[in-house]
């Protein structure tokens, strides 16, 4: 399956709408989400609606059987929600499944839209990042850069299907 995920920080006005392939394992999907924001390296995890925590590896590398499970194994449907934690402590994000389809007809992985630039020097400091995003000094988000980071990581993951091919609707 392909997923369109809206990921929004619970502490700062930061959010992204990303497209990912369900064949990614949890570690890879968590890293794609982190790269869409420009977060620093770290230990990542998800939490399901029932608050069950799912380890999602270290910066895209699966370090457990659970982190190696395909994102599809979560059996998510449109409207489902979970939480994403880009670091071991704090920094919770709400993830909402906006679409879940066999083919999304867009390039994958991609960051389609979002708000709030994450400067590299503030990426791991939740309080400083929140203050920056709320300030008048905040710069605008470059979606091309977000997608570029995601695709560079995607190109490196082993055993990946060709996700950069475009699917076209049949006429």
Protein backbone atom coordinates (compact mmCIF):
# COMPACT_ATOMS: atom_id res chain seq x y z
CA UNK A 1 0.00 0.00 0.00
CA UNK A 2 0.94 3.64 -0.35
CA UNK A 3 0.25 6.10 2.44
CA UNK A 4 -0.32 9.83 2.59
CA UNK A 5 0.56 10.82 6.16
CA UNK A 6 -0.02 14.18 7.84
CA UNK A 7 2.56 14.54 10.61
CA UNK A 8 2.27 17.47 12.99
CA UNK A 9 4.28 18.43 16.04
CA UNK A 10 2.29 18.64 19.27
CA UNK A 11 4.54 21.42 20.62
CA UNK A 12 5.34 23.67 17.64
CA UNK A 13 3.53 24.80 14.48
CA UNK A 14 5.41 22.27 12.35
CA UNK A 15 3.70 19.81 10.02
CA UNK A 16 4.31 17.83 6.86
CA UNK A 17 2.20 15.84 4.40
CA UNK A 18 4.35 12.99 3.14
CA UNK A 19 3.86 10.06 0.77
CA UNK A 20 5.52 6.75 1.72
CA UNK A 21 5.39 3.17 0.54
CA UNK A 22 4.13 0.59 3.03
CA UNK A 23 6.91 -1.81 2.08
CA UNK A 24 9.29 0.39 4.11
CA UNK A 25 10.03 -1.10 7.49
CA UNK A 26 9.18 0.94 10.60
CA UNK A 27 12.76 2.20 10.92
CA UNK A 28 12.82 3.38 7.31
CA UNK A 29 9.40 5.01 7.52
CA UNK A 30 10.34 6.80 10.75
CA UNK A 31 13.54 8.04 9.14
CA UNK A 32 11.64 9.32 6.09
CA UNK A 33 9.32 11.24 8.43
CA UNK A 34 12.30 12.65 10.37
CA UNK A 35 14.04 13.66 7.13
CA UNK A 36 10.92 15.48 5.93
CA UNK A 37 11.37 17.74 8.95
CA UNK A 38 15.18 17.79 8.87
CA UNK A 39 15.55 16.30 12.34
CA UNK A 40 18.96 15.21 13.62
CA UNK A 41 19.99 11.57 13.95
CA UNK A 42 18.27 9.74 16.79
CA UNK A 43 16.36 6.82 18.22
CA UNK A 44 12.88 6.85 16.68
CA UNK A 45 9.56 5.24 17.63
CA UNK A 46 5.84 5.20 16.93
CA UNK A 47 2.94 4.68 19.34
CA UNK A 48 -0.38 3.23 18.29
CA UNK A 49 -3.74 4.61 19.43
CA UNK A 50 -3.71 2.10 22.30
CA UNK A 51 -0.45 3.77 23.48
CA UNK A 52 1.60 0.66 22.63
CA UNK A 53 5.09 1.91 21.75
CA UNK A 54 6.76 0.54 18.61
CA UNK A 55 10.54 0.95 18.39
CA UNK A 56 11.54 2.29 14.98
CA UNK A 57 15.30 1.94 15.03
CA UNK A 58 18.16 4.37 15.08
CA UNK A 59 18.20 6.92 12.24
CA UNK A 60 16.71 4.54 9.68
CA UNK A 61 18.52 1.39 10.82
CA UNK A 62 16.33 -1.36 12.28
CA UNK A 63 17.73 -2.53 15.60
CA UNK A 64 14.95 -4.97 16.53
CA UNK A 65 12.52 -7.37 14.89
CA UNK A 66 9.73 -4.86 15.50
CA UNK A 67 11.65 -2.04 13.76
CA UNK A 68 12.21 -4.41 10.80
CA UNK A 69 8.46 -5.02 10.33
CA UNK A 70 6.91 -3.43 7.24
CA UNK A 71 4.87 -0.28 7.82
CA UNK A 72 2.01 -2.20 6.13
CA UNK A 73 2.04 -4.60 9.10
CA UNK A 74 0.38 -1.88 11.21
CA UNK A 75 -2.79 -2.43 9.12
CA UNK A 76 -3.62 1.26 9.10
CA UNK A 77 -6.65 2.67 7.33
CA UNK A 78 -7.65 6.14 6.22
CA UNK A 79 -8.41 8.26 9.30
CA UNK A 80 -6.28 6.17 11.69
CA UNK A 81 -3.88 8.00 13.97
CA UNK A 82 -0.66 7.17 15.73
CA UNK A 83 2.19 9.12 17.29
CA UNK A 84 5.72 9.58 16.02
CA UNK A 85 8.72 10.32 18.24
CA UNK A 86 11.83 11.40 16.28
CA UNK A 87 13.98 11.22 19.44
CA UNK A 88 14.14 9.01 22.52
CA UNK A 89 12.61 11.70 24.74
CA UNK A 90 9.80 14.17 24.13
CA UNK A 91 8.97 15.73 20.78
CA UNK A 92 5.67 13.95 20.11
CA UNK A 93 4.01 14.23 16.71
CA UNK A 94 0.50 13.23 15.72
CA UNK A 95 0.36 11.14 12.54
CA UNK A 96 -2.91 10.90 10.67
CA UNK A 97 -3.41 8.56 7.71
CA UNK A 98 -4.99 10.84 5.12
CA UNK A 99 -5.01 8.26 2.30
CA UNK A 100 -4.18 4.59 2.07
CA UNK A 101 -4.31 3.16 -1.45
CA UNK A 102 -2.69 0.59 -3.68
CA UNK A 103 -1.17 3.46 -5.73
CA UNK A 104 -1.14 7.17 -4.84
CA UNK A 105 -0.09 8.41 -8.29
CA UNK A 106 2.75 10.56 -7.01
CA UNK A 107 6.49 10.17 -6.72
CA UNK A 108 7.61 8.39 -3.57
CA UNK A 109 8.81 9.20 -1.09
CA UNK A 110 7.77 12.87 -1.16
CA UNK A 111 7.03 15.79 1.09
CA UNK A 112 4.02 17.33 -0.63
CA UNK A 113 3.27 20.28 1.63
CA UNK A 114 4.07 21.52 5.11
CA UNK A 115 4.88 24.40 7.39
CA UNK A 116 7.74 25.36 9.65
CA UNK A 117 11.40 25.22 8.70
CA UNK A 118 13.65 23.22 11.04
CA UNK A 119 17.14 24.77 11.14
CA UNK A 120 19.81 22.05 11.57
CA UNK A 121 21.27 23.66 14.70
CA UNK A 122 17.86 23.53 16.43
CA UNK A 123 16.65 20.15 15.16
CA UNK A 124 17.10 18.29 18.47
CA UNK A 125 16.12 21.13 20.83
CA UNK A 126 12.33 21.16 21.15
CA UNK A 127 12.10 24.39 23.19
CA UNK A 128 14.48 26.35 20.95
CA UNK A 129 12.78 25.03 17.81
CA UNK A 130 9.33 26.03 19.09
CA UNK A 131 10.59 29.54 19.92
CA UNK A 132 12.22 29.84 16.48
CA UNK A 133 9.14 28.70 14.54
CA UNK A 134 6.99 31.18 16.48
CA UNK A 135 9.43 34.06 15.87
CA UNK A 136 9.42 36.63 13.09
CA UNK A 137 12.89 35.39 12.09
CA UNK A 138 11.55 32.01 10.97
CA UNK A 139 12.33 31.25 7.35
CA UNK A 140 9.98 29.50 4.94
CA UNK A 141 10.07 25.79 4.24
CA UNK A 142 11.69 24.44 1.06
CA UNK A 143 9.68 21.35 0.08
CA UNK A 144 12.20 20.39 -2.59
CA UNK A 145 14.92 20.13 0.05
CA UNK A 146 12.69 17.97 2.28
CA UNK A 147 11.91 15.60 -0.58
CA UNK A 148 15.57 15.56 -1.67
CA UNK A 149 16.63 14.33 1.81
CA UNK A 150 13.89 11.67 1.79
CA UNK A 151 14.82 10.38 -1.66
CA UNK A 152 18.55 10.29 -0.90
CA UNK A 153 17.80 8.01 2.06
CA UNK A 154 15.36 5.95 0.00
CA UNK A 155 18.01 5.37 -2.66
CA UNK A 156 20.31 3.88 0.01
CA UNK A 157 17.90 1.43 1.61
CA UNK A 158 18.58 -2.16 0.60
CA UNK A 159 16.08 -4.37 -1.14
CA UNK A 160 13.82 -1.47 -1.96
CA UNK A 161 11.29 -1.62 -4.79
CA UNK A 162 11.51 1.06 -7.46
CA UNK A 163 9.50 3.75 -5.67
CA UNK A 164 10.53 6.63 -7.86
CA UNK A 165 8.55 5.48 -10.85
CA UNK A 166 5.41 7.43 -11.59
CA UNK A 167 2.13 5.54 -11.74
CA UNK A 168 -0.44 6.98 -14.10
CA UNK A 169 -4.18 6.49 -13.89
CA UNK A 170 -5.60 4.46 -16.75
CA UNK A 171 -7.72 6.51 -19.10
